[in-house]
Amino acid sequence: MDLNVWLRNWCRKQGFKFLDHWGMFCVLAVHPINANYEESIKTPNCAQYHTRACSRIRDPVCGTNEITFPNECMLCLHNWEYSQNVKIRKNGNC
């Protein structure tokens, strides 16, 4: 099996499209970029915080703006206060 065929198969197994006969786009997409970044972003459930008053329980979330919020409610409060649409990049600190 030549390198071209092997790389095409490997790219497909990783979930990437093989965009040219050299596989350069596949290789570039795999190395420096987190391909699952978009999939890991979650929309906060702000509807559950209808009183707009948050508890002090610390359960940090990392927002898509790279700010760590003490909990999901505080992220929602930030969105309401500043008319933004920050989502949850991950649970825990940024």
C-alpha atoms as a PDB file:
ATOM      1  CA  MET A   1       0.000   0.000   0.000  1.00  0.00           C
ATOM      2  CA  ASP A   2       1.456   3.353  -0.925  1.00  0.00           C
ATOM      3  CA  LEU A   3       1.540   6.306   1.442  1.00  0.00           C
ATOM      4  CA  ASN A   4      -1.207   8.121  -0.427  1.00  0.00           C
ATOM      5  CA  VAL A   5      -3.703   5.252   0.036  1.00  0.00           C
ATOM      6  CA  TRP A   6      -2.688   4.722   3.664  1.00  0.00           C
ATOM      7  CA  LEU A   7      -3.094   8.421   4.482  1.00  0.00           C
ATOM      8  CA  ARG A   8      -6.483   8.606   2.755  1.00  0.00           C
ATOM      9  CA  ASN A   9      -7.725   5.630   4.819  1.00  0.00           C
ATOM     10  CA  TRP A  10      -6.279   7.031   8.032  1.00  0.00           C
ATOM     11  CA  CYS A  11      -7.925  10.422   7.441  1.00  0.00           C
ATOM     12  CA  ARG A  12     -11.301   8.810   6.871  1.00  0.00           C
ATOM     13  CA  LYS A  13     -10.990   6.719  10.053  1.00  0.00           C
ATOM     14  CA  GLN A  14     -10.291   9.926  11.989  1.00  0.00           C
ATOM     15  CA  GLY A  15     -13.405  11.521  10.517  1.00  0.00           C
ATOM     16  CA  PHE A  16     -11.583  13.954   8.224  1.00  0.00           C
ATOM     17  CA  LYS A  17     -12.184  14.455   4.555  1.00  0.00           C
ATOM     18  CA  PHE A  18      -9.291  13.699   2.261  1.00  0.00           C
ATOM     19  CA  LEU A  19      -9.103  16.936   0.272  1.00  0.00           C
ATOM     20  CA  ASP A  20      -6.200  16.375  -2.073  1.00  0.00           C
ATOM     21  CA  HIS A  21      -4.077  13.521  -3.344  1.00  0.00           C
ATOM     22  CA  TRP A  22      -1.270  14.414  -0.922  1.00  0.00           C
ATOM     23  CA  GLY A  23      -3.538  14.523   2.135  1.00  0.00           C
ATOM     24  CA  MET A  24      -2.076  17.834   3.229  1.00  0.00           C
ATOM     25  CA  PHE A  25      -5.364  19.269   4.434  1.00  0.00           C
ATOM     26  CA  CYS A  26      -6.018  16.200   6.527  1.00  0.00           C
ATOM     27  CA  VAL A  27      -2.580  16.337   8.134  1.00  0.00           C
ATOM     28  CA  LEU A  28      -2.883  20.067   8.859  1.00  0.00           C
ATOM     29  CA  ALA A  29      -6.303  19.579  10.418  1.00  0.00           C
ATOM     30  CA  VAL A  30      -5.081  16.808  12.717  1.00  0.00           C
ATOM     31  CA  HIS A  31      -1.943  18.329  14.167  1.00  0.00           C
ATOM     32  CA  PRO A  32      -2.519  21.805  15.631  1.00  0.00           C
ATOM     33  CA  ILE A  33      -6.309  21.985  15.826  1.00  0.00           C
ATOM     34  CA  ASN A  34      -8.684  20.278  18.227  1.00  0.00           C
ATOM     35  CA  ALA A  35     -11.154  18.795  15.754  1.00  0.00           C
ATOM     36  CA  ASN A  36     -13.722  18.153  18.501  1.00  0.00           C
ATOM     37  CA  TYR A  37     -13.764  21.760  19.755  1.00  0.00           C
ATOM     38  CA  GLU A  38     -17.110  22.660  18.171  1.00  0.00           C
ATOM     39  CA  GLU A  39     -18.668  19.397  19.331  1.00  0.00           C
ATOM     40  CA  SER A  40     -17.691  20.014  22.962  1.00  0.00           C
ATOM     41  CA  ILE A  41     -19.380  23.431  23.211  1.00  0.00           C
ATOM     42  CA  LYS A  42     -22.650  23.314  25.135  1.00  0.00           C
ATOM     43  CA  THR A  43     -25.470  25.828  25.347  1.00  0.00           C
ATOM     44  CA  PRO A  44     -26.143  26.703  28.993  1.00  0.00           C
ATOM     45  CA  ASN A  45     -29.600  25.875  30.328  1.00  0.00           C
ATOM     46  CA  CYS A  46     -30.433  29.455  31.330  1.00  0.00           C
ATOM     47  CA  ALA A  47     -34.192  28.804  31.463  1.00  0.00           C
ATOM     48  CA  GLN A  48     -33.734  27.007  34.784  1.00  0.00           C
ATOM     49  CA  TYR A  49     -32.455  30.239  36.366  1.00  0.00           C
ATOM     50  CA  HIS A  50     -35.659  32.231  35.916  1.00  0.00           C
ATOM     51  CA  THR A  51     -35.158  34.331  39.057  1.00  0.00           C
ATOM     52  CA  ARG A  52     -31.783  35.627  37.841  1.00  0.00           C
ATOM     53  CA  ALA A  53     -30.392  35.029  41.305  1.00  0.00           C
ATOM     54  CA  CYS A  54     -27.511  32.561  41.489  1.00  0.00           C
ATOM     55  CA  SER A  55     -26.377  30.322  44.325  1.00  0.00           C
ATOM     56  CA  ARG A  56     -22.857  30.546  45.684  1.00  0.00           C
ATOM     57  CA  ILE A  57     -22.175  26.870  45.024  1.00  0.00           C
ATOM     58  CA  ARG A  58     -18.901  26.616  43.138  1.00  0.00           C
ATOM     59  CA  ASP A  59     -19.190  24.391  40.070  1.00  0.00           C
ATOM     60  CA  PRO A  60     -16.970  26.261  37.575  1.00  0.00           C
ATOM     61  CA  VAL A  61     -17.545  26.336  33.842  1.00  0.00           C
ATOM     62  CA  CYS A  62     -15.249  27.717  31.164  1.00  0.00           C
ATOM     63  CA  GLY A  63     -17.056  30.042  28.784  1.00  0.00           C
ATOM     64  CA  THR A  64     -16.373  30.341  25.075  1.00  0.00           C
ATOM     65  CA  ASN A  65     -15.021  33.807  25.908  1.00  0.00           C
ATOM     66  CA  GLU A  66     -12.221  32.069  27.904  1.00  0.00           C
ATOM     67  CA  ILE A  67     -13.560  33.351  31.247  1.00  0.00           C
ATOM     68  CA  THR A  68     -14.102  30.933  34.132  1.00  0.00           C
ATOM     69  CA  PHE A  69     -17.523  31.447  35.722  1.00  0.00           C
ATOM     70  CA  PRO A  70     -18.208  30.162  39.258  1.00  0.00           C
ATOM     71  CA  ASN A  71     -21.198  28.189  37.938  1.00  0.00           C
ATOM     72  CA  GLU A  72     -23.546  27.941  34.955  1.00  0.00           C
ATOM     73  CA  CYS A  73     -25.998  30.396  36.505  1.00  0.00           C
ATOM     74  CA  MET A  74     -23.316  33.099  36.668  1.00  0.00           C
ATOM     75  CA  LEU A  75     -22.532  32.525  32.990  1.00  0.00           C
ATOM     76  CA  CYS A  76     -26.245  33.000  32.199  1.00  0.00           C
ATOM     77  CA  LEU A  77     -26.356  36.139  34.354  1.00  0.00           C
ATOM     78  CA  HIS A  78     -23.363  37.473  32.399  1.00  0.00           C
ATOM     79  CA  ASN A  79     -25.180  36.769  29.110  1.00  0.00           C
ATOM     80  CA  TRP A  80     -28.325  38.580  30.260  1.00  0.00           C
ATOM     81  CA  GLU A  81     -26.446  41.527  31.721  1.00  0.00           C
ATOM     82  CA  TYR A  82     -24.216  42.119  28.695  1.00  0.00           C
ATOM     83  CA  SER A  83     -26.575  40.819  25.952  1.00  0.00           C
ATOM     84  CA  GLN A  84     -24.078  38.143  24.949  1.00  0.00           C
ATOM     85  CA  ASN A  85     -24.310  34.502  23.931  1.00  0.00           C
ATOM     86  CA  VAL A  86     -21.372  32.925  25.774  1.00  0.00           C
ATOM     87  CA  LYS A  87     -21.601  29.137  25.796  1.00  0.00           C
ATOM     88  CA  ILE A  88     -19.868  26.477  27.890  1.00  0.00           C
ATOM     89  CA  ARG A  89     -16.575  25.364  26.366  1.00  0.00           C
ATOM     90  CA  LYS A  90     -15.961  22.844  29.153  1.00  0.00           C
ATOM     91  CA  ASN A  91     -16.751  22.075  32.779  1.00  0.00           C
ATOM     92  CA  GLY A  92     -14.083  23.296  35.167  1.00  0.00           C
ATOM     93  CA  ASN A  93     -11.647  26.194  34.971  1.00  0.00           C
ATOM     94  CA  CYS A  94     -10.396  27.537  31.638  1.00  0.00           C
END
